[in-house]
Amino acid sequence: MRVLLLVLALVLTGCADGGPRRPEVVVTTNILGDVTRMIAGDEAEVTVLMRPGADPHSFGVSARQAAALERAALIVYNGLGLEEGVLRHVGAAREAGVPALAVAEAADPLRYPGGQADPHFWTDPRRMLKAVDAISAAVQRVPGADPAAVRANAAAYRREVERLDAWMERSLAAIPPHRRDLVTDHHVFGYFADRYGFRVVGAVIPGGTTLASPSAADLEQLAGTIREHDVPAIFAGSSQPDRLARVLAEEAGVRVRVVHLFTESLTAPGKGADTYLTLMRANTGAIVDALTERNAS
């Protein structure tokens, strides 16, 4: 009788602490982590591997995080080669039977001139809408999640992203056609350019990853491009050192400044870009300011 009462007390205590544990969804990048949390709501525990301010190309996982991937009910990752230090762990978890969603593959990816798929889809909110739909469908299939609640969360978040896209389009309309040439630290704004009518004329690091390095010839050629297009600013990710961008600004021989954007990672809370929506709004404001300043002067 005493044993029965003890078991009953333990069961009741578990219920008082919140009942059965929610299924765990593990997300690699913090941008997708924020979006997934908005979609999952109370239907799943969302664990994000990438800390604020980290570089998705170079961040790695601990043994504890690797174990979290293998016990997850669902893995959400960017894919298309973005998380270069994590993909083998995602692959191992998939081989062990863990469902995994490569979000970028569902977002109508663009390709670099060489043919490689560009993983940076989130700079286009319309493609993020495709991502929201894909994440929503995957979370609805997680055992223990209420599909109706997930659909409602996704619909509400979709409206937020649609409002973001409309606001960005209105804000960016202030930039005249001859000021729509972009130079960035690496090729991260192809989707943004495609959506809003910009041209990416060059990048300090010639490729889609921050792990590559430019040659002296690359920098000299890009300096010529900056002079040719009268580019007023080089946009560099805030999570990356901007030494090369500043060297290039000096090499170009024209008045050009380095403008920090939040490109591939959210910030800590209160630091300017702690959600996907605030990241996109902050970047839009910085781009408008940088590309209209000289025109107005």
C-alpha atoms as a PDB file:
ATOM      1  CA  MET A   1       0.000   0.000   0.000  1.00  0.00           C
ATOM      2  CA  ARG A   2       2.828   2.391   0.907  1.00  0.00           C
ATOM      3  CA  VAL A   3       4.548   1.657  -2.453  1.00  0.00           C
ATOM      4  CA  LEU A   4       1.305   2.355  -4.326  1.00  0.00           C
ATOM      5  CA  LEU A   5       0.879   5.672  -2.559  1.00  0.00           C
ATOM      6  CA  LEU A   6       4.466   6.631  -3.367  1.00  0.00           C
ATOM      7  CA  VAL A   7       3.987   5.858  -7.078  1.00  0.00           C
ATOM      8  CA  LEU A   8       0.742   7.852  -7.094  1.00  0.00           C
ATOM      9  CA  ALA A   9       2.494  10.805  -5.445  1.00  0.00           C
ATOM     10  CA  LEU A  10       5.257  10.728  -8.054  1.00  0.00           C
ATOM     11  CA  VAL A  11       2.711  10.666 -10.889  1.00  0.00           C
ATOM     12  CA  LEU A  12       0.785  13.586  -9.387  1.00  0.00           C
ATOM     13  CA  THR A  13       4.028  15.519  -8.886  1.00  0.00           C
ATOM     14  CA  GLY A  14       4.914  15.001 -12.536  1.00  0.00           C
ATOM     15  CA  CYS A  15       1.530  16.372 -13.572  1.00  0.00           C
ATOM     16  CA  ALA A  16       1.952  19.377 -11.300  1.00  0.00           C
ATOM     17  CA  ASP A  17       5.301  20.104 -12.908  1.00  0.00           C
ATOM     18  CA  GLY A  18       3.662  20.430 -16.303  1.00  0.00           C
ATOM     19  CA  GLY A  19       2.668  16.926 -17.337  1.00  0.00           C
ATOM     20  CA  PRO A  20       4.346  14.938 -20.109  1.00  0.00           C
ATOM     21  CA  ARG A  21       7.454  16.451 -21.648  1.00  0.00           C
ATOM     22  CA  ARG A  22       6.943  18.211 -24.955  1.00  0.00           C
ATOM     23  CA  PRO A  23       8.668  16.751 -28.015  1.00  0.00           C
ATOM     24  CA  GLU A  24      12.050  18.331 -28.766  1.00  0.00           C
ATOM     25  CA  VAL A  25      12.767  20.087 -32.058  1.00  0.00           C
ATOM     26  CA  VAL A  26      16.472  20.851 -32.539  1.00  0.00           C
ATOM     27  CA  VAL A  27      17.390  23.738 -34.861  1.00  0.00           C
ATOM     28  CA  THR A  28      20.901  24.458 -36.086  1.00  0.00           C
ATOM     29  CA  THR A  29      20.916  28.229 -36.798  1.00  0.00           C
ATOM     30  CA  ASN A  30      19.493  30.896 -34.522  1.00  0.00           C
ATOM     31  CA  ILE A  31      17.584  32.623 -37.352  1.00  0.00           C
ATOM     32  CA  LEU A  32      15.665  29.437 -38.098  1.00  0.00           C
ATOM     33  CA  GLY A  33      15.454  28.804 -34.356  1.00  0.00           C
ATOM     34  CA  ASP A  34      13.515  32.032 -33.869  1.00  0.00           C
ATOM     35  CA  VAL A  35      11.160  31.233 -36.752  1.00  0.00           C
ATOM     36  CA  THR A  36      10.630  27.659 -35.564  1.00  0.00           C
ATOM     37  CA  ARG A  37       9.794  28.821 -32.034  1.00  0.00           C
ATOM     38  CA  MET A  38       7.113  31.137 -33.425  1.00  0.00           C
ATOM     39  CA  ILE A  39       5.603  28.259 -35.399  1.00  0.00           C
ATOM     40  CA  ALA A  40       5.875  25.551 -32.746  1.00  0.00           C
ATOM     41  CA  GLY A  41       4.628  27.726 -29.902  1.00  0.00           C
ATOM     42  CA  ASP A  42       3.735  25.531 -26.935  1.00  0.00           C
ATOM     43  CA  GLU A  43       3.599  22.367 -29.036  1.00  0.00           C
ATOM     44  CA  ALA A  44       7.312  21.543 -28.868  1.00  0.00           C
ATOM     45  CA  GLU A  45      10.475  22.380 -26.969  1.00  0.00           C
ATOM     46  CA  VAL A  46      12.768  24.135 -29.463  1.00  0.00           C
ATOM     47  CA  THR A  47      16.516  23.813 -28.846  1.00  0.00           C
ATOM     48  CA  VAL A  48      18.820  26.073 -30.891  1.00  0.00           C
ATOM     49  CA  LEU A  49      22.439  25.004 -31.340  1.00  0.00           C
ATOM     50  CA  MET A  50      23.985  28.243 -32.651  1.00  0.00           C
ATOM     51  CA  ARG A  51      24.569  30.953 -30.056  1.00  0.00           C
ATOM     52  CA  PRO A  52      23.839  34.643 -30.826  1.00  0.00           C
ATOM     53  CA  GLY A  53      26.506  36.313 -32.928  1.00  0.00           C
ATOM     54  CA  ALA A  54      28.058  33.071 -34.178  1.00  0.00           C
ATOM     55  CA  ASP A  55      29.048  32.424 -37.792  1.00  0.00           C
ATOM     56  CA  PRO A  56      26.981  29.551 -39.247  1.00  0.00           C
ATOM     57  CA  HIS A  57      29.793  28.582 -41.612  1.00  0.00           C
ATOM     58  CA  SER A  58      32.266  27.889 -38.818  1.00  0.00           C
ATOM     59  CA  PHE A  59      30.303  27.058 -35.661  1.00  0.00           C
ATOM     60  CA  GLY A  60      30.538  23.507 -34.368  1.00  0.00           C
ATOM     61  CA  VAL A  61      28.594  21.458 -31.877  1.00  0.00           C
ATOM     62  CA  SER A  62      29.577  19.971 -28.532  1.00  0.00           C
ATOM     63  CA  ALA A  63      29.148  16.306 -27.681  1.00  0.00           C
ATOM     64  CA  ARG A  64      26.050  17.243 -25.704  1.00  0.00           C
ATOM     65  CA  GLN A  65      24.551  19.062 -28.681  1.00  0.00           C
ATOM     66  CA  ALA A  66      25.373  16.164 -30.992  1.00  0.00           C
ATOM     67  CA  ALA A  67      23.478  13.892 -28.593  1.00  0.00           C
ATOM     68  CA  ALA A  68      20.516  16.311 -28.699  1.00  0.00           C
ATOM     69  CA  LEU A  69      20.422  15.943 -32.485  1.00  0.00           C
ATOM     70  CA  GLU A  70      20.239  12.168 -32.192  1.00  0.00           C
ATOM     71  CA  ARG A  71      17.362  12.168 -29.681  1.00  0.00           C
ATOM     72  CA  ALA A  72      15.313  14.924 -31.361  1.00  0.00           C
ATOM     73  CA  ALA A  73      11.788  14.402 -32.622  1.00  0.00           C
ATOM     74  CA  LEU A  74      12.702  16.688 -35.546  1.00  0.00           C
ATOM     75  CA  ILE A  75      15.814  18.495 -36.797  1.00  0.00           C
ATOM     76  CA  VAL A  76      15.416  21.797 -38.628  1.00  0.00           C
ATOM     77  CA  TYR A  77      18.527  22.953 -40.448  1.00  0.00           C
ATOM     78  CA  ASN A  78      19.337  25.430 -43.196  1.00  0.00           C
ATOM     79  CA  GLY A  79      21.140  23.107 -45.571  1.00  0.00           C
ATOM     80  CA  LEU A  80      22.792  23.811 -48.950  1.00  0.00           C
ATOM     81  CA  GLY A  81      26.155  23.715 -47.188  1.00  0.00           C
ATOM     82  CA  LEU A  82      25.606  26.628 -44.779  1.00  0.00           C
ATOM     83  CA  GLU A  83      26.354  24.868 -41.477  1.00  0.00           C
ATOM     84  CA  GLU A  84      29.646  23.389 -42.610  1.00  0.00           C
ATOM     85  CA  GLY A  85      30.713  22.185 -39.160  1.00  0.00           C
ATOM     86  CA  VAL A  86      27.384  20.598 -38.237  1.00  0.00           C
ATOM     87  CA  LEU A  87      26.164  18.779 -41.327  1.00  0.00           C
ATOM     88  CA  ARG A  88      27.935  15.499 -40.550  1.00  0.00           C
ATOM     89  CA  HIS A  89      26.143  15.346 -37.191  1.00  0.00           C
ATOM     90  CA  VAL A  90      22.820  16.062 -38.908  1.00  0.00           C
ATOM     91  CA  GLY A  91      23.607  13.305 -41.381  1.00  0.00           C
ATOM     92  CA  ALA A  92      24.392  10.846 -38.585  1.00  0.00           C
ATOM     93  CA  ALA A  93      21.101  11.649 -36.870  1.00  0.00           C
ATOM     94  CA  ARG A  94      19.196  11.181 -40.122  1.00  0.00           C
ATOM     95  CA  GLU A  95      20.833   7.806 -40.620  1.00  0.00           C
ATOM     96  CA  ALA A  96      19.676   6.891 -37.110  1.00  0.00           C
ATOM     97  CA  GLY A  97      16.095   7.644 -38.152  1.00  0.00           C
ATOM     98  CA  VAL A  98      15.591  11.230 -36.904  1.00  0.00           C
ATOM     99  CA  PRO A  99      13.359  13.269 -39.278  1.00  0.00           C
ATOM    100  CA  ALA A 100      15.219  16.312 -40.616  1.00  0.00           C
ATOM    101  CA  LEU A 101      14.138  19.281 -42.724  1.00  0.00           C
ATOM    102  CA  ALA A 102      16.619  21.140 -44.952  1.00  0.00           C
ATOM    103  CA  VAL A 103      14.723  24.426 -45.080  1.00  0.00           C
ATOM    104  CA  ALA A 104      16.682  26.175 -47.856  1.00  0.00           C
ATOM    105  CA  GLU A 105      15.886  23.357 -50.253  1.00  0.00           C
ATOM    106  CA  ALA A 106      12.186  24.176 -49.851  1.00  0.00           C
ATOM    107  CA  ALA A 107      12.662  27.918 -50.441  1.00  0.00           C
ATOM    108  CA  ASP A 108      13.170  27.948 -54.239  1.00  0.00           C
ATOM    109  CA  PRO A 109      16.957  28.389 -53.998  1.00  0.00           C
ATOM    110  CA  LEU A 110      18.985  30.588 -56.317  1.00  0.00           C
ATOM    111  CA  ARG A 111      22.376  29.573 -57.669  1.00  0.00           C
ATOM    112  CA  TYR A 112      25.705  31.354 -57.778  1.00  0.00           C
ATOM    113  CA  PRO A 113      27.214  31.946 -61.238  1.00  0.00           C
ATOM    114  CA  GLY A 114      29.260  28.749 -60.867  1.00  0.00           C
ATOM    115  CA  GLY A 115      26.117  26.662 -60.339  1.00  0.00           C
ATOM    116  CA  GLN A 116      26.309  26.060 -56.579  1.00  0.00           C
ATOM    117  CA  ALA A 117      23.071  26.658 -54.681  1.00  0.00           C
ATOM    118  CA  ASP A 118      23.015  29.787 -52.497  1.00  0.00           C
ATOM    119  CA  PRO A 119      21.961  28.944 -48.903  1.00  0.00           C
ATOM    120  CA  HIS A 120      21.179  32.533 -47.773  1.00  0.00           C
ATOM    121  CA  PHE A 121      17.481  32.471 -48.667  1.00  0.00           C
ATOM    122  CA  TRP A 122      16.261  34.348 -45.561  1.00  0.00           C
ATOM    123  CA  THR A 123      17.285  37.766 -46.967  1.00  0.00           C
ATOM    124  CA  ASP A 124      14.124  37.502 -49.108  1.00  0.00           C
ATOM    125  CA  PRO A 125      11.003  37.475 -46.898  1.00  0.00           C
ATOM    126  CA  ARG A 126       8.935  35.903 -49.666  1.00  0.00           C
ATOM    127  CA  ARG A 127      11.212  32.889 -49.588  1.00  0.00           C
ATOM    128  CA  MET A 128      10.987  32.897 -45.814  1.00  0.00           C
ATOM    129  CA  LEU A 129       7.244  32.428 -46.314  1.00  0.00           C
ATOM    130  CA  LYS A 130       8.037  29.194 -48.162  1.00  0.00           C
ATOM    131  CA  ALA A 131      10.266  28.236 -45.241  1.00  0.00           C
ATOM    132  CA  VAL A 132       7.455  28.936 -42.760  1.00  0.00           C
ATOM    133  CA  ASP A 133       5.164  26.590 -44.687  1.00  0.00           C
ATOM    134  CA  ALA A 134       7.813  23.846 -44.784  1.00  0.00           C
ATOM    135  CA  ILE A 135       8.624  24.151 -41.071  1.00  0.00           C
ATOM    136  CA  SER A 136       4.933  24.205 -40.174  1.00  0.00           C
ATOM    137  CA  ALA A 137       4.273  21.013 -42.133  1.00  0.00           C
ATOM    138  CA  ALA A 138       7.239  19.264 -40.477  1.00  0.00           C
ATOM    139  CA  VAL A 139       6.299  20.308 -36.926  1.00  0.00           C
ATOM    140  CA  GLN A 140       2.705  19.207 -37.486  1.00  0.00           C
ATOM    141  CA  ARG A 141       4.038  15.673 -38.069  1.00  0.00           C
ATOM    142  CA  VAL A 142       5.921  15.606 -34.751  1.00  0.00           C
ATOM    143  CA  PRO A 143       4.275  13.083 -32.388  1.00  0.00           C
ATOM    144  CA  GLY A 144       2.574  14.908 -29.539  1.00  0.00           C
ATOM    145  CA  ALA A 145       2.196  18.250 -31.338  1.00  0.00           C
ATOM    146  CA  ASP A 146      -1.307  19.575 -32.065  1.00  0.00           C
ATOM    147  CA  PRO A 147      -1.427  20.189 -35.842  1.00  0.00           C
ATOM    148  CA  ALA A 148      -4.241  22.732 -35.557  1.00  0.00           C
ATOM    149  CA  ALA A 149      -2.285  24.830 -33.057  1.00  0.00           C
ATOM    150  CA  VAL A 150       0.836  24.692 -35.219  1.00  0.00           C
ATOM    151  CA  ARG A 151      -1.140  25.776 -38.295  1.00  0.00           C
ATOM    152  CA  ALA A 152      -2.618  28.700 -36.379  1.00  0.00           C
ATOM    153  CA  ASN A 153       0.823  29.793 -35.155  1.00  0.00           C
ATOM    154  CA  ALA A 154       2.243  29.548 -38.667  1.00  0.00           C
ATOM    155  CA  ALA A 155      -0.622  31.570 -40.148  1.00  0.00           C
ATOM    156  CA  ALA A 156      -0.106  34.342 -37.588  1.00  0.00           C
ATOM    157  CA  TYR A 157       3.645  34.421 -38.236  1.00  0.00           C
ATOM    158  CA  ARG A 158       3.082  34.385 -41.993  1.00  0.00           C
ATOM    159  CA  ARG A 159       1.121  37.631 -41.632  1.00  0.00           C
ATOM    160  CA  GLU A 160       4.053  39.185 -39.762  1.00  0.00           C
ATOM    161  CA  VAL A 161       6.488  38.221 -42.529  1.00  0.00           C
ATOM    162  CA  GLU A 162       4.110  39.532 -45.199  1.00  0.00           C
ATOM    163  CA  ARG A 163       3.928  42.871 -43.372  1.00  0.00           C
ATOM    164  CA  LEU A 164       7.730  42.892 -43.140  1.00  0.00           C
ATOM    165  CA  ASP A 165       8.066  42.354 -46.890  1.00  0.00           C
ATOM    166  CA  ALA A 166       5.633  45.178 -47.688  1.00  0.00           C
ATOM    167  CA  TRP A 167       7.442  47.543 -45.301  1.00  0.00           C
ATOM    168  CA  MET A 168      10.837  46.669 -46.786  1.00  0.00           C
ATOM    169  CA  GLU A 169       9.582  47.266 -50.312  1.00  0.00           C
ATOM    170  CA  ARG A 170       8.259  50.710 -49.360  1.00  0.00           C
ATOM    171  CA  SER A 171      11.424  51.640 -47.469  1.00  0.00           C
ATOM    172  CA  LEU A 172      13.838  50.494 -50.181  1.00  0.00           C
ATOM    173  CA  ALA A 173      11.917  52.429 -52.832  1.00  0.00           C
ATOM    174  CA  ALA A 174      13.755  55.530 -51.536  1.00  0.00           C
ATOM    175  CA  ILE A 175      17.010  54.254 -53.088  1.00  0.00           C
ATOM    176  CA  PRO A 176      17.373  55.468 -56.701  1.00  0.00           C
ATOM    177  CA  PRO A 177      18.285  52.983 -59.477  1.00  0.00           C
ATOM    178  CA  HIS A 178      21.864  54.248 -59.827  1.00  0.00           C
ATOM    179  CA  ARG A 179      22.514  53.571 -56.115  1.00  0.00           C
ATOM    180  CA  ARG A 180      21.397  49.924 -56.158  1.00  0.00           C
ATOM    181  CA  ASP A 181      24.842  48.326 -56.530  1.00  0.00           C
ATOM    182  CA  LEU A 182      25.908  46.231 -53.537  1.00  0.00           C
ATOM    183  CA  VAL A 183      29.370  45.205 -52.354  1.00  0.00           C
ATOM    184  CA  THR A 184      29.397  42.825 -49.390  1.00  0.00           C
ATOM    185  CA  ASP A 185      31.956  40.921 -47.346  1.00  0.00           C
ATOM    186  CA  HIS A 186      30.834  37.640 -48.947  1.00  0.00           C
ATOM    187  CA  HIS A 187      27.970  36.614 -51.202  1.00  0.00           C
ATOM    188  CA  VAL A 188      25.062  36.757 -48.778  1.00  0.00           C
ATOM    189  CA  PHE A 189      22.569  39.183 -50.390  1.00  0.00           C
ATOM    190  CA  GLY A 190      21.718  37.462 -53.654  1.00  0.00           C
ATOM    191  CA  TYR A 191      18.130  36.765 -52.597  1.00  0.00           C
ATOM    192  CA  PHE A 192      17.665  40.286 -51.253  1.00  0.00           C
ATOM    193  CA  ALA A 193      18.940  41.705 -54.550  1.00  0.00           C
ATOM    194  CA  ASP A 194      16.681  39.423 -56.584  1.00  0.00           C
ATOM    195  CA  ARG A 195      13.591  40.380 -54.568  1.00  0.00           C
ATOM    196  CA  TYR A 196      14.059  44.151 -54.359  1.00  0.00           C
ATOM    197  CA  GLY A 197      15.838  45.083 -57.590  1.00  0.00           C
ATOM    198  CA  PHE A 198      19.482  45.457 -56.516  1.00  0.00           C
ATOM    199  CA  ARG A 199      22.716  44.312 -58.174  1.00  0.00           C
ATOM    200  CA  VAL A 200      25.468  42.499 -56.287  1.00  0.00           C
ATOM    201  CA  VAL A 201      28.525  43.828 -58.128  1.00  0.00           C
ATOM    202  CA  GLY A 202      31.139  42.221 -55.893  1.00  0.00           C
ATOM    203  CA  ALA A 203      32.187  40.670 -52.605  1.00  0.00           C
ATOM    204  CA  VAL A 204      35.377  40.955 -50.572  1.00  0.00           C
ATOM    205  CA  ILE A 205      35.449  37.162 -50.112  1.00  0.00           C
ATOM    206  CA  PRO A 206      34.681  35.567 -53.500  1.00  0.00           C
ATOM    207  CA  GLY A 207      32.169  32.937 -52.493  1.00  0.00           C
ATOM    208  CA  GLY A 208      29.220  32.073 -50.312  1.00  0.00           C
ATOM    209  CA  THR A 209      31.252  31.155 -47.237  1.00  0.00           C
ATOM    210  CA  THR A 210      33.254  33.223 -44.774  1.00  0.00           C
ATOM    211  CA  LEU A 211      35.869  30.454 -44.630  1.00  0.00           C
ATOM    212  CA  ALA A 212      37.341  31.390 -48.025  1.00  0.00           C
ATOM    213  CA  SER A 213      40.021  34.065 -48.506  1.00  0.00           C
ATOM    214  CA  PRO A 214      40.460  36.632 -51.289  1.00  0.00           C
ATOM    215  CA  SER A 215      43.701  37.004 -53.212  1.00  0.00           C
ATOM    216  CA  ALA A 216      45.437  40.319 -53.832  1.00  0.00           C
ATOM    217  CA  ALA A 217      44.169  40.137 -57.416  1.00  0.00           C
ATOM    218  CA  ASP A 218      40.585  39.646 -56.152  1.00  0.00           C
ATOM    219  CA  LEU A 219      40.851  42.765 -53.980  1.00  0.00           C
ATOM    220  CA  GLU A 220      42.399  44.823 -56.778  1.00  0.00           C
ATOM    221  CA  GLN A 221      39.663  43.802 -59.197  1.00  0.00           C
ATOM    222  CA  LEU A 222      36.944  44.595 -56.656  1.00  0.00           C
ATOM    223  CA  ALA A 223      38.501  47.984 -55.931  1.00  0.00           C
ATOM    224  CA  GLY A 224      38.146  48.762 -59.624  1.00  0.00           C
ATOM    225  CA  THR A 225      34.497  47.679 -59.519  1.00  0.00           C
ATOM    226  CA  ILE A 226      33.841  50.020 -56.592  1.00  0.00           C
ATOM    227  CA  ARG A 227      35.360  52.947 -58.471  1.00  0.00           C
ATOM    228  CA  GLU A 228      33.510  52.062 -61.675  1.00  0.00           C
ATOM    229  CA  HIS A 229      30.115  51.851 -59.982  1.00  0.00           C
ATOM    230  CA  ASP A 230      30.785  54.698 -57.530  1.00  0.00           C
ATOM    231  CA  VAL A 231      29.756  52.437 -54.646  1.00  0.00           C
ATOM    232  CA  PRO A 232      29.351  54.455 -51.417  1.00  0.00           C
ATOM    233  CA  ALA A 233      29.463  51.565 -48.918  1.00  0.00           C
ATOM    234  CA  ILE A 234      30.705  48.045 -48.326  1.00  0.00           C
ATOM    235  CA  PHE A 235      28.299  45.966 -46.266  1.00  0.00           C
ATOM    236  CA  ALA A 236      29.946  43.582 -43.787  1.00  0.00           C
ATOM    237  CA  GLY A 237      28.322  41.044 -41.481  1.00  0.00           C
ATOM    238  CA  SER A 238      28.435  42.022 -37.822  1.00  0.00           C
ATOM    239  CA  SER A 239      29.485  38.501 -36.804  1.00  0.00           C
ATOM    240  CA  GLN A 240      32.643  38.677 -38.938  1.00  0.00           C
ATOM    241  CA  PRO A 241      35.800  40.766 -38.572  1.00  0.00           C
ATOM    242  CA  ASP A 242      35.689  43.589 -41.133  1.00  0.00           C
ATOM    243  CA  ARG A 243      39.453  44.016 -41.583  1.00  0.00           C
ATOM    244  CA  LEU A 244      39.383  42.944 -45.244  1.00  0.00           C
ATOM    245  CA  ALA A 245      36.455  45.213 -46.001  1.00  0.00           C
ATOM    246  CA  ARG A 246      38.343  48.162 -44.477  1.00  0.00           C
ATOM    247  CA  VAL A 247      41.502  47.292 -46.422  1.00  0.00           C
ATOM    248  CA  LEU A 248      39.428  47.243 -49.577  1.00  0.00           C
ATOM    249  CA  ALA A 249      37.828  50.570 -48.729  1.00  0.00           C
ATOM    250  CA  GLU A 250      41.310  52.092 -48.449  1.00  0.00           C
ATOM    251  CA  GLU A 251      42.531  50.304 -51.608  1.00  0.00           C
ATOM    252  CA  ALA A 252      39.608  51.560 -53.706  1.00  0.00           C
ATOM    253  CA  GLY A 253      40.860  55.133 -53.510  1.00  0.00           C
ATOM    254  CA  VAL A 254      37.368  56.599 -53.159  1.00  0.00           C
ATOM    255  CA  ARG A 255      35.213  57.673 -50.244  1.00  0.00           C
ATOM    256  CA  VAL A 256      33.577  54.434 -49.206  1.00  0.00           C
ATOM    257  CA  ARG A 257      32.603  53.325 -45.736  1.00  0.00           C
ATOM    258  CA  VAL A 258      32.076  49.945 -44.130  1.00  0.00           C
ATOM    259  CA  VAL A 259      28.519  49.455 -42.878  1.00  0.00           C
ATOM    260  CA  HIS A 260      27.776  46.602 -40.483  1.00  0.00           C
ATOM    261  CA  LEU A 261      24.688  44.505 -41.112  1.00  0.00           C
ATOM    262  CA  PHE A 262      23.211  41.558 -39.219  1.00  0.00           C
ATOM    263  CA  THR A 263      23.539  38.987 -41.967  1.00  0.00           C
ATOM    264  CA  GLU A 264      23.766  35.386 -40.760  1.00  0.00           C
ATOM    265  CA  SER A 265      23.106  35.454 -37.033  1.00  0.00           C
ATOM    266  CA  LEU A 266      20.762  36.987 -34.518  1.00  0.00           C
ATOM    267  CA  THR A 267      22.126  39.037 -31.643  1.00  0.00           C
ATOM    268  CA  ALA A 268      21.600  38.592 -27.935  1.00  0.00           C
ATOM    269  CA  PRO A 269      18.310  40.074 -26.652  1.00  0.00           C
ATOM    270  CA  GLY A 270      18.261  43.863 -26.776  1.00  0.00           C
ATOM    271  CA  LYS A 271      21.277  44.150 -29.097  1.00  0.00           C
ATOM    272  CA  GLY A 272      19.399  45.196 -32.215  1.00  0.00           C
ATOM    273  CA  ALA A 273      18.550  41.975 -34.049  1.00  0.00           C
ATOM    274  CA  ASP A 274      17.309  39.352 -31.615  1.00  0.00           C
ATOM    275  CA  THR A 275      14.536  38.080 -33.928  1.00  0.00           C
ATOM    276  CA  TYR A 276      14.310  37.492 -37.661  1.00  0.00           C
ATOM    277  CA  LEU A 277      11.865  40.374 -38.044  1.00  0.00           C
ATOM    278  CA  THR A 278      14.054  42.885 -36.184  1.00  0.00           C
ATOM    279  CA  LEU A 279      17.152  41.701 -38.070  1.00  0.00           C
ATOM    280  CA  MET A 280      15.520  42.384 -41.412  1.00  0.00           C
ATOM    281  CA  ARG A 281      14.202  45.768 -40.329  1.00  0.00           C
ATOM    282  CA  ALA A 282      17.583  46.827 -38.944  1.00  0.00           C
ATOM    283  CA  ASN A 283      19.364  45.812 -42.150  1.00  0.00           C
ATOM    284  CA  THR A 284      16.824  47.578 -44.321  1.00  0.00           C
ATOM    285  CA  GLY A 285      17.251  50.811 -42.388  1.00  0.00           C
ATOM    286  CA  ALA A 286      21.052  50.595 -42.592  1.00  0.00           C
ATOM    287  CA  ILE A 287      21.011  49.923 -46.344  1.00  0.00           C
ATOM    288  CA  VAL A 288      18.627  52.788 -47.021  1.00  0.00           C
ATOM    289  CA  ASP A 289      20.736  55.169 -44.935  1.00  0.00           C
ATOM    290  CA  ALA A 290      23.998  54.125 -46.604  1.00  0.00           C
ATOM    291  CA  LEU A 291      22.759  54.234 -50.188  1.00  0.00           C
ATOM    292  CA  THR A 292      20.767  57.448 -50.018  1.00  0.00           C
ATOM    293  CA  GLU A 293      23.221  59.523 -47.950  1.00  0.00           C
ATOM    294  CA  ARG A 294      25.499  60.609 -50.797  1.00  0.00           C
ATOM    295  CA  ASN A 295      22.600  61.093 -53.171  1.00  0.00           C
ATOM    296  CA  ALA A 296      20.998  63.525 -50.741  1.00  0.00           C
ATOM    297  CA  SER A 297      24.203  65.443 -50.087  1.00  0.00           C
END
